[in-house]
C-alpha atoms as a PDB file:
ATOM      1  CA  UNK A   1       1.364 -46.748-147.084  1.00  0.00           C
ATOM      2  CA  UNK A   2      -0.786 -44.109-148.816  1.00  0.00           C
ATOM      3  CA  UNK A   3       1.053 -41.015-150.066  1.00  0.00           C
ATOM      4  CA  UNK A   4      -0.834 -37.719-150.272  1.00  0.00           C
ATOM      5  CA  UNK A   5       0.310 -35.423-153.078  1.00  0.00           C
ATOM      6  CA  UNK A   6       0.080 -31.844-151.768  1.00  0.00           C
ATOM      7  CA  UNK A   7       1.655 -30.680-155.028  1.00  0.00           C
ATOM      8  CA  UNK A   8       2.003 -32.754-158.159  1.00  0.00           C
ATOM      9  CA  UNK A   9      -0.064 -35.608-159.572  1.00  0.00           C
ATOM     10  CA  UNK A  10       0.065 -39.162-158.233  1.00  0.00           C
ATOM     11  CA  UNK A  11      -0.922 -40.390-161.715  1.00  0.00           C
ATOM     12  CA  UNK A  12       2.001 -38.577-163.289  1.00  0.00           C
ATOM     13  CA  UNK A  13       4.723 -37.999-160.675  1.00  0.00           C
ATOM     14  CA  UNK A  14       7.773 -35.957-161.635  1.00  0.00           C
ATOM     15  CA  UNK A  15      10.270 -38.548-160.365  1.00  0.00           C
ATOM     16  CA  UNK A  16      11.650 -36.271-157.647  1.00  0.00           C
ATOM     17  CA  UNK A  17       9.814 -35.215-154.526  1.00  0.00           C
ATOM     18  CA  UNK A  18      10.062 -33.543-151.157  1.00  0.00           C
ATOM     19  CA  UNK A  19       8.643 -36.179-148.828  1.00  0.00           C
ATOM     20  CA  UNK A  20       7.528 -34.973-145.405  1.00  0.00           C
ATOM     21  CA  UNK A  21       6.074 -36.342-142.189  1.00  0.00           C
ATOM     22  CA  UNK A  22       4.457 -34.709-139.186  1.00  0.00           C
ATOM     23  CA  UNK A  23       4.817 -35.357-135.453  1.00  0.00           C
ATOM     24  CA  UNK A  24       1.641 -34.942-133.385  1.00  0.00           C
ATOM     25  CA  UNK A  25       3.515 -33.315-130.505  1.00  0.00           C
ATOM     26  CA  UNK A  26       5.409 -30.856-132.756  1.00  0.00           C
ATOM     27  CA  UNK A  27       2.668 -28.911-134.531  1.00  0.00           C
ATOM     28  CA  UNK A  28       4.933 -26.304-136.131  1.00  0.00           C
ATOM     29  CA  UNK A  29       7.635 -28.637-137.443  1.00  0.00           C
ATOM     30  CA  UNK A  30       7.777 -30.954-140.445  1.00  0.00           C
ATOM     31  CA  UNK A  31      10.348 -33.697-141.003  1.00  0.00           C
ATOM     32  CA  UNK A  32      11.470 -34.046-144.609  1.00  0.00           C
ATOM     33  CA  UNK A  33      13.711 -35.974-146.965  1.00  0.00           C
ATOM     34  CA  UNK A  34      14.299 -35.793-150.721  1.00  0.00           C
ATOM     35  CA  UNK A  35      13.240 -38.705-152.913  1.00  0.00           C
ATOM     36  CA  UNK A  36      14.759 -39.340-156.325  1.00  0.00           C
ATOM     37  CA  UNK A  37      13.849 -41.980-158.889  1.00  0.00           C
ATOM     38  CA  UNK A  38      16.524 -42.497-161.512  1.00  0.00           C
ATOM     39  CA  UNK A  39      15.536 -42.611-165.212  1.00  0.00           C
ATOM     40  CA  UNK A  40      18.543 -44.885-165.774  1.00  0.00           C
ATOM     41  CA  UNK A  41      19.061 -47.777-163.383  1.00  0.00           C
ATOM     42  CA  UNK A  42      22.514 -47.819-161.825  1.00  0.00           C
ATOM     43  CA  UNK A  43      24.697 -50.850-161.227  1.00  0.00           C
ATOM     44  CA  UNK A  44      26.931 -49.641-158.403  1.00  0.00           C
ATOM     45  CA  UNK A  45      28.763 -52.962-158.224  1.00  0.00           C
ATOM     46  CA  UNK A  46      30.867 -51.605-161.093  1.00  0.00           C
ATOM     47  CA  UNK A  47      32.182 -48.830-158.883  1.00  0.00           C
ATOM     48  CA  UNK A  48      32.164 -50.239-155.343  1.00  0.00           C
ATOM     49  CA  UNK A  49      35.110 -52.499-154.450  1.00  0.00           C
ATOM     50  CA  UNK A  50      34.028 -55.978-153.271  1.00  0.00           C
ATOM     51  CA  UNK A  51      35.476 -55.449-149.790  1.00  0.00           C
ATOM     52  CA  UNK A  52      33.202 -52.424-149.331  1.00  0.00           C
ATOM     53  CA  UNK A  53      30.103 -53.912-150.950  1.00  0.00           C
ATOM     54  CA  UNK A  54      29.666 -56.379-148.074  1.00  0.00           C
ATOM     55  CA  UNK A  55      29.357 -53.429-145.650  1.00  0.00           C
ATOM     56  CA  UNK A  56      26.420 -51.790-147.418  1.00  0.00           C
ATOM     57  CA  UNK A  57      23.756 -54.124-145.998  1.00  0.00           C
ATOM     58  CA  UNK A  58      20.702 -54.722-148.168  1.00  0.00           C
ATOM     59  CA  UNK A  59      21.216 -51.725-150.433  1.00  0.00           C
ATOM     60  CA  UNK A  60      20.339 -52.890-153.998  1.00  0.00           C
ATOM     61  CA  UNK A  61      23.715 -52.093-155.521  1.00  0.00           C
ATOM     62  CA  UNK A  62      23.061 -53.922-158.793  1.00  0.00           C
ATOM     63  CA  UNK A  63      19.681 -52.267-159.372  1.00  0.00           C
ATOM     64  CA  UNK A  64      19.584 -48.865-157.672  1.00  0.00           C
ATOM     65  CA  UNK A  65      16.566 -47.053-159.103  1.00  0.00           C
ATOM     66  CA  UNK A  66      15.232 -44.893-156.236  1.00  0.00           C
ATOM     67  CA  UNK A  67      16.462 -43.570-152.903  1.00  0.00           C
ATOM     68  CA  UNK A  68      15.870 -40.937-150.200  1.00  0.00           C
ATOM     69  CA  UNK A  69      18.516 -38.576-148.883  1.00  0.00           C
ATOM     70  CA  UNK A  70      18.885 -38.179-145.977  1.00  0.00           C
ATOM     71  CA  UNK A  71      17.667 -41.708-145.157  1.00  0.00           C
ATOM     72  CA  UNK A  72      16.153 -40.436-141.893  1.00  0.00           C
ATOM     73  CA  UNK A  73      13.822 -37.405-142.326  1.00  0.00           C
ATOM     74  CA  UNK A  74      15.227 -34.209-140.823  1.00  0.00           C
ATOM     75  CA  UNK A  75      13.361 -31.381-139.075  1.00  0.00           C
ATOM     76  CA  UNK A  76      12.789 -28.608-141.622  1.00  0.00           C
ATOM     77  CA  UNK A  77      10.956 -25.719-140.007  1.00  0.00           C
ATOM     78  CA  UNK A  78       7.417 -25.010-141.129  1.00  0.00           C
ATOM     79  CA  UNK A  79       5.233 -26.476-143.856  1.00  0.00           C
ATOM     80  CA  UNK A  80       5.145 -23.122-145.667  1.00  0.00           C
ATOM     81  CA  UNK A  81       8.936 -23.232-146.034  1.00  0.00           C
ATOM     82  CA  UNK A  82       8.730 -26.736-147.444  1.00  0.00           C
ATOM     83  CA  UNK A  83       5.962 -25.635-149.810  1.00  0.00           C
ATOM     84  CA  UNK A  84       8.085 -22.720-151.019  1.00  0.00           C
ATOM     85  CA  UNK A  85      11.017 -25.048-151.723  1.00  0.00           C
ATOM     86  CA  UNK A  86       8.848 -27.425-153.743  1.00  0.00           C
ATOM     87  CA  UNK A  87       7.538 -24.539-155.864  1.00  0.00           C
ATOM     88  CA  UNK A  88      11.024 -23.147-156.517  1.00  0.00           C
ATOM     89  CA  UNK A  89      12.405 -26.551-157.480  1.00  0.00           C
ATOM     90  CA  UNK A  90       9.285 -27.866-159.227  1.00  0.00           C
ATOM     91  CA  UNK A  91       9.286 -30.945-156.982  1.00  0.00           C
ATOM     92  CA  UNK A  92       6.338 -33.101-156.015  1.00  0.00           C
ATOM     93  CA  UNK A  93       5.357 -32.355-152.421  1.00  0.00           C
ATOM     94  CA  UNK A  94       4.260 -35.593-150.784  1.00  0.00           C
ATOM     95  CA  UNK A  95       2.918 -36.281-147.291  1.00  0.00           C
ATOM     96  CA  UNK A  96       3.883 -39.658-145.820  1.00  0.00           C
ATOM     97  CA  UNK A  97       1.924 -39.560-142.543  1.00  0.00           C
ATOM     98  CA  UNK A  98       2.648 -38.973-138.848  1.00  0.00           C
ATOM     99  CA  UNK A  99       5.449 -40.525-136.810  1.00  0.00           C
ATOM    100  CA  UNK A 100       7.479 -40.186-133.620  1.00  0.00           C
ATOM    101  CA  UNK A 101      10.628 -38.084-134.040  1.00  0.00           C
ATOM    102  CA  UNK A 102      12.497 -40.004-131.318  1.00  0.00           C
ATOM    103  CA  UNK A 103      12.026 -43.393-133.007  1.00  0.00           C
ATOM    104  CA  UNK A 104      14.851 -43.168-135.554  1.00  0.00           C
ATOM    105  CA  UNK A 105      14.670 -46.769-136.832  1.00  0.00           C
ATOM    106  CA  UNK A 106      10.936 -46.371-137.502  1.00  0.00           C
ATOM    107  CA  UNK A 107      11.559 -43.019-139.228  1.00  0.00           C
ATOM    108  CA  UNK A 108      14.048 -44.676-141.574  1.00  0.00           C
ATOM    109  CA  UNK A 109      11.644 -47.573-142.167  1.00  0.00           C
ATOM    110  CA  UNK A 110       8.791 -45.207-143.068  1.00  0.00           C
ATOM    111  CA  UNK A 111      11.001 -43.206-145.434  1.00  0.00           C
ATOM    112  CA  UNK A 112      12.135 -46.415-147.164  1.00  0.00           C
ATOM    113  CA  UNK A 113       8.543 -47.594-147.528  1.00  0.00           C
ATOM    114  CA  UNK A 114       7.513 -44.220-148.979  1.00  0.00           C
ATOM    115  CA  UNK A 115      10.367 -44.403-151.509  1.00  0.00           C
ATOM    116  CA  UNK A 116       9.099 -47.790-152.666  1.00  0.00           C
ATOM    117  CA  UNK A 117       5.529 -46.497-153.037  1.00  0.00           C
ATOM    118  CA  UNK A 118       6.631 -43.331-154.869  1.00  0.00           C
ATOM    119  CA  UNK A 119       8.938 -45.324-157.152  1.00  0.00           C
ATOM    120  CA  UNK A 120       6.046 -47.684-157.920  1.00  0.00           C
ATOM    121  CA  UNK A 121       3.827 -44.736-158.909  1.00  0.00           C
ATOM    122  CA  UNK A 122       6.565 -43.482-161.229  1.00  0.00           C
ATOM    123  CA  UNK A 123       6.907 -46.919-162.826  1.00  0.00           C
ATOM    124  CA  UNK A 124       3.132 -47.181-163.278  1.00  0.00           C
ATOM    125  CA  UNK A 125       3.045 -43.748-164.896  1.00  0.00           C
ATOM    126  CA  UNK A 126       5.798 -44.675-167.348  1.00  0.00           C
ATOM    127  CA  UNK A 127       4.020 -47.913-168.221  1.00  0.00           C
ATOM    128  CA  UNK A 128       0.732 -46.085-168.892  1.00  0.00           C
ATOM    129  CA  UNK A 129       2.420 -43.498-171.090  1.00  0.00           C
ATOM    130  CA  UNK A 130       4.532 -45.921-173.152  1.00  0.00           C
ATOM    131  CA  UNK A 131       3.588 -47.049-176.662  1.00  0.00           C
ATOM    132  CA  UNK A 132       2.450 -50.660-177.251  1.00  0.00           C
ATOM    133  CA  UNK A 133       5.824 -51.435-178.817  1.00  0.00           C
ATOM    134  CA  UNK A 134       7.668 -49.984-175.830  1.00  0.00           C
ATOM    135  CA  UNK A 135       5.460 -51.934-173.445  1.00  0.00           C
ATOM    136  CA  UNK A 136       6.094 -55.195-175.293  1.00  0.00           C
ATOM    137  CA  UNK A 137       9.821 -54.531-175.379  1.00  0.00           C
ATOM    138  CA  UNK A 138       9.850 -53.794-171.652  1.00  0.00           C
ATOM    139  CA  UNK A 139       7.955 -57.020-170.917  1.00  0.00           C
ATOM    140  CA  UNK A 140      10.350 -59.078-173.036  1.00  0.00           C
ATOM    141  CA  UNK A 141      13.348 -57.382-171.418  1.00  0.00           C
ATOM    142  CA  UNK A 142      11.972 -58.085-167.929  1.00  0.00           C
ATOM    143  CA  UNK A 143      11.273 -61.717-168.766  1.00  0.00           C
ATOM    144  CA  UNK A 144      14.766 -62.151-170.203  1.00  0.00           C
ATOM    145  CA  UNK A 145      16.332 -60.538-167.152  1.00  0.00           C
ATOM    146  CA  UNK A 146      14.413 -62.825-164.805  1.00  0.00           C
ATOM    147  CA  UNK A 147      15.515 -65.849-166.826  1.00  0.00           C
ATOM    148  CA  UNK A 148      19.147 -64.781-166.685  1.00  0.00           C
ATOM    149  CA  UNK A 149      18.872 -64.084-162.963  1.00  0.00           C
ATOM    150  CA  UNK A 150      17.471 -67.532-162.066  1.00  0.00           C
ATOM    151  CA  UNK A 151      20.822 -69.359-161.600  1.00  0.00           C
ATOM    152  CA  UNK A 152      22.119 -66.539-159.419  1.00  0.00           C
ATOM    153  CA  UNK A 153      19.022 -66.735-157.237  1.00  0.00           C
ATOM    154  CA  UNK A 154      19.757 -70.394-156.512  1.00  0.00           C
ATOM    155  CA  UNK A 155      23.225 -69.635-155.155  1.00  0.00           C
ATOM    156  CA  UNK A 156      23.572 -69.618-151.360  1.00  0.00           C
ATOM    157  CA  UNK A 157      23.221 -66.179-149.833  1.00  0.00           C
ATOM    158  CA  UNK A 158      26.328 -64.719-148.168  1.00  0.00           C
ATOM    159  CA  UNK A 159      26.467 -64.664-144.406  1.00  0.00           C
ATOM    160  CA  UNK A 160      25.164 -61.358-142.980  1.00  0.00           C
ATOM    161  CA  UNK A 161      27.826 -58.886-141.927  1.00  0.00           C
ATOM    162  CA  UNK A 162      26.975 -57.532-138.482  1.00  0.00           C
ATOM    163  CA  UNK A 163      29.681 -54.856-138.680  1.00  0.00           C
ATOM    164  CA  UNK A 164      27.283 -52.627-140.591  1.00  0.00           C
ATOM    165  CA  UNK A 165      23.740 -52.109-139.431  1.00  0.00           C
ATOM    166  CA  UNK A 166      21.069 -49.475-138.997  1.00  0.00           C
ATOM    167  CA  UNK A 167      22.322 -48.455-135.545  1.00  0.00           C
ATOM    168  CA  UNK A 168      25.768 -47.746-136.962  1.00  0.00           C
ATOM    169  CA  UNK A 169      24.236 -45.246-139.380  1.00  0.00           C
ATOM    170  CA  UNK A 170      21.869 -43.687-136.850  1.00  0.00           C
ATOM    171  CA  UNK A 171      24.561 -43.173-134.221  1.00  0.00           C
ATOM    172  CA  UNK A 172      26.797 -41.465-136.778  1.00  0.00           C
ATOM    173  CA  UNK A 173      24.062 -38.854-137.362  1.00  0.00           C
ATOM    174  CA  UNK A 174      23.517 -38.082-133.664  1.00  0.00           C
ATOM    175  CA  UNK A 175      25.090 -35.242-131.710  1.00  0.00           C
ATOM    176  CA  UNK A 176      27.147 -36.196-128.665  1.00  0.00           C
ATOM    177  CA  UNK A 177      24.350 -35.201-126.286  1.00  0.00           C
ATOM    178  CA  UNK A 178      21.904 -37.400-128.226  1.00  0.00           C
ATOM    179  CA  UNK A 179      24.356 -40.292-128.090  1.00  0.00           C
ATOM    180  CA  UNK A 180      24.644 -39.950-124.313  1.00  0.00           C
ATOM    181  CA  UNK A 181      20.859 -39.798-124.041  1.00  0.00           C
ATOM    182  CA  UNK A 182      20.655 -43.023-126.065  1.00  0.00           C
ATOM    183  CA  UNK A 183      23.357 -44.550-123.849  1.00  0.00           C
ATOM    184  CA  UNK A 184      21.241 -43.768-120.774  1.00  0.00           C
ATOM    185  CA  UNK A 185      18.206 -45.456-122.337  1.00  0.00           C
ATOM    186  CA  UNK A 186      20.247 -48.530-123.276  1.00  0.00           C
ATOM    187  CA  UNK A 187      21.692 -48.699-119.772  1.00  0.00           C
ATOM    188  CA  UNK A 188      18.156 -48.743-118.337  1.00  0.00           C
ATOM    189  CA  UNK A 189      17.178 -51.565-120.705  1.00  0.00           C
ATOM    190  CA  UNK A 190      20.331 -53.463-119.773  1.00  0.00           C
ATOM    191  CA  UNK A 191      19.627 -53.232-116.037  1.00  0.00           C
ATOM    192  CA  UNK A 192      16.040 -54.386-116.617  1.00  0.00           C
ATOM    193  CA  UNK A 193      17.236 -57.382-118.648  1.00  0.00           C
ATOM    194  CA  UNK A 194      19.944 -58.302-116.128  1.00  0.00           C
ATOM    195  CA  UNK A 195      17.583 -58.023-113.160  1.00  0.00           C
ATOM    196  CA  UNK A 196      15.110 -60.261-114.991  1.00  0.00           C
ATOM    197  CA  UNK A 197      17.825 -62.786-115.933  1.00  0.00           C
ATOM    198  CA  UNK A 198      16.942 -62.259-119.618  1.00  0.00           C
ATOM    199  CA  UNK A 199      20.278 -63.213-121.168  1.00  0.00           C
ATOM    200  CA  UNK A 200      19.112 -62.810-124.767  1.00  0.00           C
ATOM    201  CA  UNK A 201      17.845 -59.264-124.215  1.00  0.00           C
ATOM    202  CA  UNK A 202      20.983 -58.359-122.252  1.00  0.00           C
ATOM    203  CA  UNK A 203      23.199 -59.579-125.101  1.00  0.00           C
ATOM    204  CA  UNK A 204      21.189 -57.604-127.665  1.00  0.00           C
ATOM    205  CA  UNK A 205      21.417 -54.394-125.635  1.00  0.00           C
ATOM    206  CA  UNK A 206      25.105 -55.059-125.003  1.00  0.00           C
ATOM    207  CA  UNK A 207      25.686 -55.287-128.753  1.00  0.00           C
ATOM    208  CA  UNK A 208      23.935 -51.926-129.254  1.00  0.00           C
ATOM    209  CA  UNK A 209      26.058 -50.299-126.539  1.00  0.00           C
ATOM    210  CA  UNK A 210      29.194 -51.714-128.160  1.00  0.00           C
ATOM    211  CA  UNK A 211      28.231 -50.115-131.481  1.00  0.00           C
ATOM    212  CA  UNK A 212      27.441 -46.811-129.767  1.00  0.00           C
ATOM    213  CA  UNK A 213      30.800 -46.893-127.956  1.00  0.00           C
ATOM    214  CA  UNK A 214      32.552 -46.647-131.341  1.00  0.00           C
ATOM    215  CA  UNK A 215      30.954 -43.218-131.788  1.00  0.00           C
ATOM    216  CA  UNK A 216      32.034 -41.804-128.417  1.00  0.00           C
ATOM    217  CA  UNK A 217      35.527 -40.804-127.198  1.00  0.00           C
ATOM    218  CA  UNK A 218      37.576 -43.659-125.786  1.00  0.00           C
ATOM    219  CA  UNK A 219      38.170 -41.819-122.499  1.00  0.00           C
ATOM    220  CA  UNK A 220      34.427 -42.067-121.777  1.00  0.00           C
ATOM    221  CA  UNK A 221      35.143 -45.710-120.842  1.00  0.00           C
ATOM    222  CA  UNK A 222      31.879 -47.055-122.241  1.00  0.00           C
ATOM    223  CA  UNK A 223      33.374 -50.559-122.326  1.00  0.00           C
ATOM    224  CA  UNK A 224      33.922 -50.424-118.550  1.00  0.00           C
ATOM    225  CA  UNK A 225      30.391 -49.103-118.140  1.00  0.00           C
ATOM    226  CA  UNK A 226      29.056 -52.086-120.086  1.00  0.00           C
ATOM    227  CA  UNK A 227      30.972 -54.552-117.882  1.00  0.00           C
ATOM    228  CA  UNK A 228      29.452 -52.978-114.766  1.00  0.00           C
ATOM    229  CA  UNK A 229      25.953 -52.925-116.281  1.00  0.00           C
ATOM    230  CA  UNK A 230      26.047 -56.663-116.991  1.00  0.00           C
ATOM    231  CA  UNK A 231      26.462 -57.453-113.272  1.00  0.00           C
ATOM    232  CA  UNK A 232      23.348 -57.203-111.080  1.00  0.00           C
ATOM    233  CA  UNK A 233      25.194 -56.681-107.784  1.00  0.00           C
ATOM    234  CA  UNK A 234      24.647 -53.477-105.819  1.00  0.00           C
ATOM    235  CA  UNK A 235      28.291 -52.484-106.245  1.00  0.00           C
ATOM    236  CA  UNK A 236      28.098 -52.866-110.041  1.00  0.00           C
ATOM    237  CA  UNK A 237      24.865 -50.897-110.128  1.00  0.00           C
ATOM    238  CA  UNK A 238      26.582 -48.017-108.327  1.00  0.00           C
ATOM    239  CA  UNK A 239      29.564 -48.292-110.666  1.00  0.00           C
ATOM    240  CA  UNK A 240      27.320 -48.087-113.726  1.00  0.00           C
ATOM    241  CA  UNK A 241      25.660 -44.931-112.380  1.00  0.00           C
ATOM    242  CA  UNK A 242      29.042 -43.339-111.694  1.00  0.00           C
ATOM    243  CA  UNK A 243      30.304 -44.225-115.174  1.00  0.00           C
ATOM    244  CA  UNK A 244      27.272 -42.718-116.941  1.00  0.00           C
ATOM    245  CA  UNK A 245      27.479 -39.586-114.765  1.00  0.00           C
ATOM    246  CA  UNK A 246      31.163 -39.336-115.678  1.00  0.00           C
ATOM    247  CA  UNK A 247      30.295 -39.458-119.395  1.00  0.00           C
ATOM    248  CA  UNK A 248      27.906 -36.519-119.047  1.00  0.00           C
ATOM    249  CA  UNK A 249      30.457 -34.553-116.983  1.00  0.00           C
ATOM    250  CA  UNK A 250      33.158 -35.040-119.631  1.00  0.00           C
ATOM    251  CA  UNK A 251      30.752 -34.024-122.377  1.00  0.00           C
ATOM    252  CA  UNK A 252      29.916 -30.833-120.468  1.00  0.00           C
ATOM    253  CA  UNK A 253      33.643 -30.030-120.052  1.00  0.00           C
ATOM    254  CA  UNK A 254      33.561 -30.553-116.283  1.00  0.00           C
ATOM    255  CA  UNK A 255      36.962 -32.218-116.003  1.00  0.00           C
ATOM    256  CA  UNK A 256      37.225 -31.644-112.242  1.00  0.00           C
ATOM    257  CA  UNK A 257      33.909 -33.361-111.557  1.00  0.00           C
ATOM    258  CA  UNK A 258      34.922 -36.238-113.830  1.00  0.00           C
ATOM    259  CA  UNK A 259      38.179 -36.657-111.899  1.00  0.00           C
ATOM    260  CA  UNK A 260      36.256 -36.782-108.604  1.00  0.00           C
ATOM    261  CA  UNK A 261      34.027 -39.503-110.077  1.00  0.00           C
ATOM    262  CA  UNK A 262      37.134 -41.415-111.159  1.00  0.00           C
ATOM    263  CA  UNK A 263      38.205 -41.523-107.516  1.00  0.00           C
ATOM    264  CA  UNK A 264      34.792 -42.848-106.413  1.00  0.00           C
ATOM    265  CA  UNK A 265      34.887 -45.452-109.176  1.00  0.00           C
ATOM    266  CA  UNK A 266      38.348 -46.638-108.163  1.00  0.00           C
ATOM    267  CA  UNK A 267      37.276 -46.841-104.514  1.00  0.00           C
ATOM    268  CA  UNK A 268      34.314 -49.068-105.427  1.00  0.00           C
ATOM    269  CA  UNK A 269      36.462 -51.233-107.698  1.00  0.00           C
ATOM    270  CA  UNK A 270      38.991 -51.720-104.873  1.00  0.00           C
ATOM    271  CA  UNK A 271      36.191 -52.931-102.606  1.00  0.00           C
ATOM    272  CA  UNK A 272      35.453 -55.746-105.047  1.00  0.00           C
END
């Protein structure tokens, strides 16, 4: 990824930047996040209890040197507003490229990649501006650290913990209407996989729906919706449509319409 410095110098970055992206279909909107590189590396394992550390995925707890917050770029009005903020705060203003605002996993991936590139530029700048003695000391320190880390690298890696993943984070950021929109998309993918007898794809989509269900009210009955979606019979297809319609009705506060759908659902279930 190539970063374009609208303000600031790529050869001498400040260590903190407003990173922004554009969306081709949204000409007047920029999506931004704030990137920070720490002058002192942090070992968060000292502060995070072991039972929580396993839920933080691949976050480099023992060597946290740079990060973006929020992890997914947010819509931030116009470029002129972003430019004004960077001037007031004396931040680098960096362009990361164009993306699709609806593809949240890709947005997070691009932000993470930009953090790595920006952090690398900061490290290069520090190396260029250090004295020969400082450079030698840094090289010796790095070599010593790698030597000390070798035994740890040979230890077996812990089993991945599926209870924490990117979808869990993304769903927690979404509004309820966005979550229901995502549920509709997942339901379409599930029906396509079931109709095509693609068990692997159906299981993957089912896992995503299960994660999403944890971020919706229990009375939305997403678990029942998932059971219906996994069956390719005509009756189950009708049930799935009724369940998703019921979710939208409840979200809109249409309790009476939701109750009427409950009756239709029970009638179909009795026919089975």
